């Protein structure tokens, strides 16, 4: 779908509708155990694809790519492919994968809300959420395949949002099956936090220049970040303890 950016104001749904193409393929780095699909399974899949309607899946018409880290373990970093649906101008919901091909593994979910809704949350809830200002301004958050002007308009909106992210399959650690417990994830808030090799690898694979995007987004005004967000920076770490590890911490190791 083409995106025409001269019409202002542009709705968030309209902007994201163009974020469907991947720009460059990212294969999943892990293989789940099991035998290959048999003919009967493939036949059932084909029949279901024709006969069953899937409105929630069909609503996932936006693709964003960025990076997360485990809350309490900033060195546990990974790329996150977001496939999102726009519920309205203030709420977006995304499923997160470790790649953008059919073999991609479902890693978790992210809920995104605007600053007006975030302001209404109690302090205990705000501590679960992260800001998107640095992700936008750094050029690390991208909408692959979307024309630059449209992506810029989209980022002007996303810079005013907050995300709450849970990963359920820690594919950086678990190379076969989803193990352990869900983990609360955070987003980077300053230069020097994200592993530069990780960002450069993504940029090469997708044909993206995040530094050029950073320069192009210099005109995007960074809003004041609610002090309740990014609580890890103030020493308030919220994470689910994992009963499957002797240390009791999440992601199978002490942070």
C-alpha atoms as a PDB file:
ATOM      1  CA  UNK A   1       0.000   0.000   0.000  1.00  0.00           C
ATOM      2  CA  UNK A   2       1.398   3.375  -0.902  1.00  0.00           C
ATOM      3  CA  UNK A   3       1.526   6.067   1.746  1.00  0.00           C
ATOM      4  CA  UNK A   4       0.779   9.694   0.834  1.00  0.00           C
ATOM      5  CA  UNK A   5       2.312  11.987   3.444  1.00  0.00           C
ATOM      6  CA  UNK A   6       1.165  15.419   2.281  1.00  0.00           C
ATOM      7  CA  UNK A   7      -2.199  15.105   3.964  1.00  0.00           C
ATOM      8  CA  UNK A   8      -1.917  16.352   7.542  1.00  0.00           C
ATOM      9  CA  UNK A   9      -2.848  15.290  10.113  1.00  0.00           C
ATOM     10  CA  UNK A  10      -2.154  11.659   9.293  1.00  0.00           C
ATOM     11  CA  UNK A  11      -3.720   8.995  11.452  1.00  0.00           C
ATOM     12  CA  UNK A  12      -1.459   6.449  13.107  1.00  0.00           C
ATOM     13  CA  UNK A  13      -3.388   3.631  11.454  1.00  0.00           C
ATOM     14  CA  UNK A  14      -2.845   5.156   8.004  1.00  0.00           C
ATOM     15  CA  UNK A  15       0.871   5.632   8.595  1.00  0.00           C
ATOM     16  CA  UNK A  16       1.387   2.112   9.874  1.00  0.00           C
ATOM     17  CA  UNK A  17      -0.632   0.570   7.062  1.00  0.00           C
ATOM     18  CA  UNK A  18       2.383   1.008   4.804  1.00  0.00           C
ATOM     19  CA  UNK A  19       4.765  -0.805   7.174  1.00  0.00           C
ATOM     20  CA  UNK A  20       4.196  -4.245   5.721  1.00  0.00           C
ATOM     21  CA  UNK A  21       7.264  -5.058   3.624  1.00  0.00           C
ATOM     22  CA  UNK A  22      10.322  -6.397   5.413  1.00  0.00           C
ATOM     23  CA  UNK A  23      13.077  -4.608   3.517  1.00  0.00           C
ATOM     24  CA  UNK A  24      15.422  -7.565   4.155  1.00  0.00           C
ATOM     25  CA  UNK A  25      14.899 -11.093   5.405  1.00  0.00           C
ATOM     26  CA  UNK A  26      15.978 -12.118   8.892  1.00  0.00           C
ATOM     27  CA  UNK A  27      15.861 -15.860   9.432  1.00  0.00           C
ATOM     28  CA  UNK A  28      15.240 -17.322  12.858  1.00  0.00           C
ATOM     29  CA  UNK A  29      18.494 -18.328  14.504  1.00  0.00           C
ATOM     30  CA  UNK A  30      17.066 -21.456  16.092  1.00  0.00           C
ATOM     31  CA  UNK A  31      15.265 -24.604  14.983  1.00  0.00           C
ATOM     32  CA  UNK A  32      12.493 -26.152  17.044  1.00  0.00           C
ATOM     33  CA  UNK A  33      12.737 -29.939  17.520  1.00  0.00           C
ATOM     34  CA  UNK A  34      10.264 -32.152  15.694  1.00  0.00           C
ATOM     35  CA  UNK A  35       9.709 -33.971  12.451  1.00  0.00           C
ATOM     36  CA  UNK A  36       9.036 -32.047   9.220  1.00  0.00           C
ATOM     37  CA  UNK A  37       5.432 -31.296   8.324  1.00  0.00           C
ATOM     38  CA  UNK A  38       3.676 -34.255   6.781  1.00  0.00           C
ATOM     39  CA  UNK A  39       1.356 -34.122   3.764  1.00  0.00           C
ATOM     40  CA  UNK A  40      -1.763 -34.314   5.950  1.00  0.00           C
ATOM     41  CA  UNK A  41      -0.611 -31.378   8.086  1.00  0.00           C
ATOM     42  CA  UNK A  42       0.075 -29.297   4.994  1.00  0.00           C
ATOM     43  CA  UNK A  43      -3.345 -30.200   3.588  1.00  0.00           C
ATOM     44  CA  UNK A  44      -5.072 -29.190   6.818  1.00  0.00           C
ATOM     45  CA  UNK A  45      -3.144 -25.915   6.845  1.00  0.00           C
ATOM     46  CA  UNK A  46      -4.125 -25.127   3.272  1.00  0.00           C
ATOM     47  CA  UNK A  47      -7.772 -25.903   4.002  1.00  0.00           C
ATOM     48  CA  UNK A  48      -7.808 -23.763   7.118  1.00  0.00           C
ATOM     49  CA  UNK A  49      -6.211 -20.901   5.210  1.00  0.00           C
ATOM     50  CA  UNK A  50      -9.048 -20.963   2.680  1.00  0.00           C
ATOM     51  CA  UNK A  51     -11.984 -21.752   4.968  1.00  0.00           C
ATOM     52  CA  UNK A  52     -11.238 -19.938   8.213  1.00  0.00           C
ATOM     53  CA  UNK A  53     -11.356 -16.208   8.753  1.00  0.00           C
ATOM     54  CA  UNK A  54      -8.590 -14.725  10.917  1.00  0.00           C
ATOM     55  CA  UNK A  55      -9.509 -11.093  11.680  1.00  0.00           C
ATOM     56  CA  UNK A  56      -7.012 -10.633  14.557  1.00  0.00           C
ATOM     57  CA  UNK A  57      -4.165 -11.939  12.395  1.00  0.00           C
ATOM     58  CA  UNK A  58      -5.225  -9.936   9.357  1.00  0.00           C
ATOM     59  CA  UNK A  59      -5.140  -6.805  11.533  1.00  0.00           C
ATOM     60  CA  UNK A  60      -1.370  -7.251  12.018  1.00  0.00           C
ATOM     61  CA  UNK A  61      -0.557  -4.909   9.157  1.00  0.00           C
ATOM     62  CA  UNK A  62       2.389  -2.954  10.571  1.00  0.00           C
ATOM     63  CA  UNK A  63       6.033  -4.016  10.902  1.00  0.00           C
ATOM     64  CA  UNK A  64       8.538  -2.326  13.225  1.00  0.00           C
ATOM     65  CA  UNK A  65      12.073  -3.478  13.980  1.00  0.00           C
ATOM     66  CA  UNK A  66      14.033  -2.523  17.077  1.00  0.00           C
ATOM     67  CA  UNK A  67      15.944  -3.881  20.066  1.00  0.00           C
ATOM     68  CA  UNK A  68      15.121  -5.016  23.613  1.00  0.00           C
ATOM     69  CA  UNK A  69      17.041  -6.044  26.709  1.00  0.00           C
ATOM     70  CA  UNK A  70      16.083  -7.953  29.840  1.00  0.00           C
ATOM     71  CA  UNK A  71      14.978  -5.689  32.663  1.00  0.00           C
ATOM     72  CA  UNK A  72      17.793  -5.963  35.194  1.00  0.00           C
ATOM     73  CA  UNK A  73      20.256  -7.403  32.662  1.00  0.00           C
ATOM     74  CA  UNK A  74      21.197  -4.702  30.132  1.00  0.00           C
ATOM     75  CA  UNK A  75      23.762  -6.998  28.507  1.00  0.00           C
ATOM     76  CA  UNK A  76      21.047  -9.481  27.514  1.00  0.00           C
ATOM     77  CA  UNK A  77      20.135  -7.774  24.231  1.00  0.00           C
ATOM     78  CA  UNK A  78      18.320  -8.924  21.115  1.00  0.00           C
ATOM     79  CA  UNK A  79      16.675  -7.707  17.931  1.00  0.00           C
ATOM     80  CA  UNK A  80      12.876  -7.741  18.010  1.00  0.00           C
ATOM     81  CA  UNK A  81      10.594  -7.877  14.974  1.00  0.00           C
ATOM     82  CA  UNK A  82       7.222  -6.332  15.851  1.00  0.00           C
ATOM     83  CA  UNK A  83       4.057  -7.118  13.896  1.00  0.00           C
ATOM     84  CA  UNK A  84       1.405  -4.731  15.114  1.00  0.00           C
ATOM     85  CA  UNK A  85      -2.246  -3.827  14.852  1.00  0.00           C
ATOM     86  CA  UNK A  86      -3.517  -0.342  15.599  1.00  0.00           C
ATOM     87  CA  UNK A  87      -6.494  -0.562  17.965  1.00  0.00           C
ATOM     88  CA  UNK A  88      -6.974   3.216  17.858  1.00  0.00           C
ATOM     89  CA  UNK A  89      -4.934   6.421  17.806  1.00  0.00           C
ATOM     90  CA  UNK A  90      -3.687   5.779  21.350  1.00  0.00           C
ATOM     91  CA  UNK A  91      -3.208   2.001  21.616  1.00  0.00           C
ATOM     92  CA  UNK A  92      -1.172  -0.433  19.511  1.00  0.00           C
ATOM     93  CA  UNK A  93      -0.622  -4.126  20.194  1.00  0.00           C
ATOM     94  CA  UNK A  94       2.265  -6.131  18.734  1.00  0.00           C
ATOM     95  CA  UNK A  95       3.434  -9.724  18.544  1.00  0.00           C
ATOM     96  CA  UNK A  96       7.213 -10.066  18.559  1.00  0.00           C
ATOM     97  CA  UNK A  97       9.317 -12.543  16.580  1.00  0.00           C
ATOM     98  CA  UNK A  98      13.032 -13.329  16.305  1.00  0.00           C
ATOM     99  CA  UNK A  99      12.890 -12.958  12.517  1.00  0.00           C
ATOM    100  CA  UNK A 100      10.665 -11.895   9.647  1.00  0.00           C
ATOM    101  CA  UNK A 101      10.275 -15.134   7.691  1.00  0.00           C
ATOM    102  CA  UNK A 102       7.864 -18.078   8.063  1.00  0.00           C
ATOM    103  CA  UNK A 103      10.369 -19.849  10.311  1.00  0.00           C
ATOM    104  CA  UNK A 104      10.415 -16.968  12.837  1.00  0.00           C
ATOM    105  CA  UNK A 105       9.832 -17.896  16.467  1.00  0.00           C
ATOM    106  CA  UNK A 106       7.239 -16.028  18.508  1.00  0.00           C
ATOM    107  CA  UNK A 107       9.183 -14.290  21.302  1.00  0.00           C
ATOM    108  CA  UNK A 108       6.535 -12.222  23.064  1.00  0.00           C
ATOM    109  CA  UNK A 109       4.199  -9.247  22.980  1.00  0.00           C
ATOM    110  CA  UNK A 110       4.385  -5.482  23.336  1.00  0.00           C
ATOM    111  CA  UNK A 111       1.609  -3.035  24.171  1.00  0.00           C
ATOM    112  CA  UNK A 112       2.131   0.578  23.124  1.00  0.00           C
ATOM    113  CA  UNK A 113       0.160   3.536  24.477  1.00  0.00           C
ATOM    114  CA  UNK A 114       0.455   7.288  24.055  1.00  0.00           C
ATOM    115  CA  UNK A 115       1.623   9.710  26.720  1.00  0.00           C
ATOM    116  CA  UNK A 116      -1.906  10.838  27.621  1.00  0.00           C
ATOM    117  CA  UNK A 117      -2.893   7.296  28.637  1.00  0.00           C
ATOM    118  CA  UNK A 118       0.450   6.646  30.294  1.00  0.00           C
ATOM    119  CA  UNK A 119       0.061   9.709  32.478  1.00  0.00           C
ATOM    120  CA  UNK A 120      -3.090   8.186  33.980  1.00  0.00           C
ATOM    121  CA  UNK A 121      -1.384   4.993  35.151  1.00  0.00           C
ATOM    122  CA  UNK A 122      -0.476   4.460  38.823  1.00  0.00           C
ATOM    123  CA  UNK A 123       3.213   4.656  39.689  1.00  0.00           C
ATOM    124  CA  UNK A 124       3.465   0.900  40.294  1.00  0.00           C
ATOM    125  CA  UNK A 125       2.210   0.222  36.769  1.00  0.00           C
ATOM    126  CA  UNK A 126       4.406   2.853  35.123  1.00  0.00           C
ATOM    127  CA  UNK A 127       7.483   1.007  36.370  1.00  0.00           C
ATOM    128  CA  UNK A 128       6.706  -1.827  33.924  1.00  0.00           C
ATOM    129  CA  UNK A 129       6.870   0.443  30.884  1.00  0.00           C
ATOM    130  CA  UNK A 130       9.699   1.933  28.825  1.00  0.00           C
ATOM    131  CA  UNK A 131       9.893   5.146  26.827  1.00  0.00           C
ATOM    132  CA  UNK A 132      10.466   5.250  23.063  1.00  0.00           C
ATOM    133  CA  UNK A 133      12.249   8.604  22.811  1.00  0.00           C
ATOM    134  CA  UNK A 134      15.771   7.234  22.402  1.00  0.00           C
ATOM    135  CA  UNK A 135      14.641   4.374  20.161  1.00  0.00           C
ATOM    136  CA  UNK A 136      13.162   6.933  17.777  1.00  0.00           C
ATOM    137  CA  UNK A 137      15.836   9.634  18.030  1.00  0.00           C
ATOM    138  CA  UNK A 138      18.740   7.171  17.725  1.00  0.00           C
ATOM    139  CA  UNK A 139      17.424   5.695  14.478  1.00  0.00           C
ATOM    140  CA  UNK A 140      17.323   2.230  16.048  1.00  0.00           C
ATOM    141  CA  UNK A 141      13.553   1.862  15.714  1.00  0.00           C
ATOM    142  CA  UNK A 142      12.620   1.500  12.053  1.00  0.00           C
ATOM    143  CA  UNK A 143       9.642   0.643   9.859  1.00  0.00           C
ATOM    144  CA  UNK A 144      11.273  -1.396   7.065  1.00  0.00           C
ATOM    145  CA  UNK A 145       9.884  -0.812   3.600  1.00  0.00           C
ATOM    146  CA  UNK A 146       8.107   2.428   4.443  1.00  0.00           C
ATOM    147  CA  UNK A 147       9.117   5.555   2.463  1.00  0.00           C
ATOM    148  CA  UNK A 148      11.345   7.903   4.458  1.00  0.00           C
ATOM    149  CA  UNK A 149       8.813  10.731   4.668  1.00  0.00           C
ATOM    150  CA  UNK A 150       6.083   8.414   5.928  1.00  0.00           C
ATOM    151  CA  UNK A 151       8.439   6.746   8.396  1.00  0.00           C
ATOM    152  CA  UNK A 152       9.431  10.166   9.709  1.00  0.00           C
ATOM    153  CA  UNK A 153       5.765  11.057  10.343  1.00  0.00           C
ATOM    154  CA  UNK A 154       5.278   7.718  12.068  1.00  0.00           C
ATOM    155  CA  UNK A 155       8.280   8.332  14.331  1.00  0.00           C
ATOM    156  CA  UNK A 156       6.926  11.766  15.234  1.00  0.00           C
ATOM    157  CA  UNK A 157       3.988   9.919  16.770  1.00  0.00           C
ATOM    158  CA  UNK A 158       5.877   6.983  18.302  1.00  0.00           C
ATOM    159  CA  UNK A 159       8.288   9.301  20.131  1.00  0.00           C
ATOM    160  CA  UNK A 160       5.316  10.210  22.344  1.00  0.00           C
ATOM    161  CA  UNK A 161       4.523   6.594  23.276  1.00  0.00           C
ATOM    162  CA  UNK A 162       5.470   4.037  25.931  1.00  0.00           C
ATOM    163  CA  UNK A 163       5.732   0.258  25.652  1.00  0.00           C
ATOM    164  CA  UNK A 164       5.239  -2.695  27.969  1.00  0.00           C
ATOM    165  CA  UNK A 165       6.992  -5.796  26.652  1.00  0.00           C
ATOM    166  CA  UNK A 166       7.065  -9.402  27.807  1.00  0.00           C
ATOM    167  CA  UNK A 167       9.196 -12.058  26.124  1.00  0.00           C
ATOM    168  CA  UNK A 168       8.064 -15.658  26.496  1.00  0.00           C
ATOM    169  CA  UNK A 169      10.710 -17.409  24.358  1.00  0.00           C
ATOM    170  CA  UNK A 170      14.248 -16.263  25.104  1.00  0.00           C
ATOM    171  CA  UNK A 171      15.703 -17.248  21.766  1.00  0.00           C
ATOM    172  CA  UNK A 172      19.099 -15.768  22.627  1.00  0.00           C
ATOM    173  CA  UNK A 173      19.421 -18.549  25.203  1.00  0.00           C
ATOM    174  CA  UNK A 174      16.881 -21.271  24.412  1.00  0.00           C
ATOM    175  CA  UNK A 175      17.735 -22.702  21.001  1.00  0.00           C
ATOM    176  CA  UNK A 176      15.091 -25.429  20.857  1.00  0.00           C
ATOM    177  CA  UNK A 177      12.030 -24.744  23.027  1.00  0.00           C
ATOM    178  CA  UNK A 178      10.629 -21.844  25.101  1.00  0.00           C
ATOM    179  CA  UNK A 179      11.887 -22.444  28.625  1.00  0.00           C
ATOM    180  CA  UNK A 180      11.665 -20.660  31.942  1.00  0.00           C
ATOM    181  CA  UNK A 181       9.224 -17.872  32.709  1.00  0.00           C
ATOM    182  CA  UNK A 182       8.187 -14.687  30.865  1.00  0.00           C
ATOM    183  CA  UNK A 183      10.609 -11.800  31.209  1.00  0.00           C
ATOM    184  CA  UNK A 184       9.945  -8.068  31.317  1.00  0.00           C
ATOM    185  CA  UNK A 185      11.928  -6.274  28.635  1.00  0.00           C
ATOM    186  CA  UNK A 186      13.090  -2.679  28.331  1.00  0.00           C
ATOM    187  CA  UNK A 187      14.212  -0.316  25.567  1.00  0.00           C
ATOM    188  CA  UNK A 188      17.476   1.610  25.360  1.00  0.00           C
ATOM    189  CA  UNK A 189      17.507   5.178  26.645  1.00  0.00           C
ATOM    190  CA  UNK A 190      20.950   6.528  25.683  1.00  0.00           C
ATOM    191  CA  UNK A 191      23.794   6.147  23.218  1.00  0.00           C
ATOM    192  CA  UNK A 192      26.327   3.466  24.082  1.00  0.00           C
ATOM    193  CA  UNK A 193      23.818   1.058  25.625  1.00  0.00           C
ATOM    194  CA  UNK A 194      22.969  -1.050  22.565  1.00  0.00           C
ATOM    195  CA  UNK A 195      25.670  -3.387  21.294  1.00  0.00           C
ATOM    196  CA  UNK A 196      26.932  -1.598  18.145  1.00  0.00           C
ATOM    197  CA  UNK A 197      27.688  -4.912  16.407  1.00  0.00           C
ATOM    198  CA  UNK A 198      24.060  -5.959  16.903  1.00  0.00           C
ATOM    199  CA  UNK A 199      22.764  -2.724  15.385  1.00  0.00           C
ATOM    200  CA  UNK A 200      25.267  -2.794  12.510  1.00  0.00           C
ATOM    201  CA  UNK A 201      24.352  -6.407  11.684  1.00  0.00           C
ATOM    202  CA  UNK A 202      20.676  -5.459  11.488  1.00  0.00           C
ATOM    203  CA  UNK A 203      21.467  -2.434   9.331  1.00  0.00           C
ATOM    204  CA  UNK A 204      23.528  -4.484   6.855  1.00  0.00           C
ATOM    205  CA  UNK A 205      20.915  -7.214   6.634  1.00  0.00           C
ATOM    206  CA  UNK A 206      18.055  -4.813   5.992  1.00  0.00           C
ATOM    207  CA  UNK A 207      19.904  -2.205   3.996  1.00  0.00           C
ATOM    208  CA  UNK A 208      19.341   0.416   6.710  1.00  0.00           C
ATOM    209  CA  UNK A 209      21.585   3.236   7.898  1.00  0.00           C
ATOM    210  CA  UNK A 210      20.476   3.923  11.461  1.00  0.00           C
ATOM    211  CA  UNK A 211      22.999   6.767  11.822  1.00  0.00           C
ATOM    212  CA  UNK A 212      21.520   8.481   8.777  1.00  0.00           C
ATOM    213  CA  UNK A 213      18.066   8.016  10.271  1.00  0.00           C
ATOM    214  CA  UNK A 214      19.317   9.528  13.527  1.00  0.00           C
ATOM    215  CA  UNK A 215      20.480  12.602  11.626  1.00  0.00           C
ATOM    216  CA  UNK A 216      17.228  12.817   9.668  1.00  0.00           C
ATOM    217  CA  UNK A 217      15.211  12.655  12.901  1.00  0.00           C
ATOM    218  CA  UNK A 218      17.101  15.488  14.589  1.00  0.00           C
ATOM    219  CA  UNK A 219      14.104  17.734  13.915  1.00  0.00           C
ATOM    220  CA  UNK A 220      11.764  15.454  15.867  1.00  0.00           C
ATOM    221  CA  UNK A 221      11.192  17.188  19.187  1.00  0.00           C
ATOM    222  CA  UNK A 222      11.876  14.840  22.093  1.00  0.00           C
ATOM    223  CA  UNK A 223       9.107  15.147  24.693  1.00  0.00           C
ATOM    224  CA  UNK A 224       9.794  15.099  28.412  1.00  0.00           C
ATOM    225  CA  UNK A 225       9.816  11.479  29.570  1.00  0.00           C
ATOM    226  CA  UNK A 226       7.487  10.634  32.419  1.00  0.00           C
ATOM    227  CA  UNK A 227       9.698   9.955  35.485  1.00  0.00           C
ATOM    228  CA  UNK A 228       7.713   6.799  36.206  1.00  0.00           C
ATOM    229  CA  UNK A 229       8.939   5.066  33.037  1.00  0.00           C
ATOM    230  CA  UNK A 230      12.300   3.329  32.563  1.00  0.00           C
ATOM    231  CA  UNK A 231      12.339   2.552  36.281  1.00  0.00           C
ATOM    232  CA  UNK A 232      15.454   0.390  35.912  1.00  0.00           C
ATOM    233  CA  UNK A 233      17.497   3.580  35.543  1.00  0.00           C
ATOM    234  CA  UNK A 234      16.524   4.543  39.076  1.00  0.00           C
ATOM    235  CA  UNK A 235      17.383   1.145  40.514  1.00  0.00           C
ATOM    236  CA  UNK A 236      13.830  -0.226  40.540  1.00  0.00           C
ATOM    237  CA  UNK A 237      14.124  -3.568  38.783  1.00  0.00           C
ATOM    238  CA  UNK A 238      10.954  -5.575  38.274  1.00  0.00           C
ATOM    239  CA  UNK A 239      11.428  -9.103  36.999  1.00  0.00           C
ATOM    240  CA  UNK A 240       9.814 -12.514  37.408  1.00  0.00           C
ATOM    241  CA  UNK A 241      11.945 -14.994  39.319  1.00  0.00           C
ATOM    242  CA  UNK A 242      12.426 -18.304  37.557  1.00  0.00           C
ATOM    243  CA  UNK A 243      11.829 -21.450  39.640  1.00  0.00           C
ATOM    244  CA  UNK A 244      13.611 -23.570  37.002  1.00  0.00           C
ATOM    245  CA  UNK A 245      17.037 -22.111  37.785  1.00  0.00           C
ATOM    246  CA  UNK A 246      18.889 -22.596  41.088  1.00  0.00           C
ATOM    247  CA  UNK A 247      19.514 -18.855  41.276  1.00  0.00           C
ATOM    248  CA  UNK A 248      15.812 -18.059  41.062  1.00  0.00           C
ATOM    249  CA  UNK A 249      16.395 -15.264  38.562  1.00  0.00           C
ATOM    250  CA  UNK A 250      14.850 -14.951  35.134  1.00  0.00           C
ATOM    251  CA  UNK A 251      16.535 -15.717  31.810  1.00  0.00           C
ATOM    252  CA  UNK A 252      18.243 -18.712  33.505  1.00  0.00           C
ATOM    253  CA  UNK A 253      21.069 -16.752  35.128  1.00  0.00           C
ATOM    254  CA  UNK A 254      21.706 -14.196  37.836  1.00  0.00           C
ATOM    255  CA  UNK A 255      21.626 -10.637  36.538  1.00  0.00           C
END
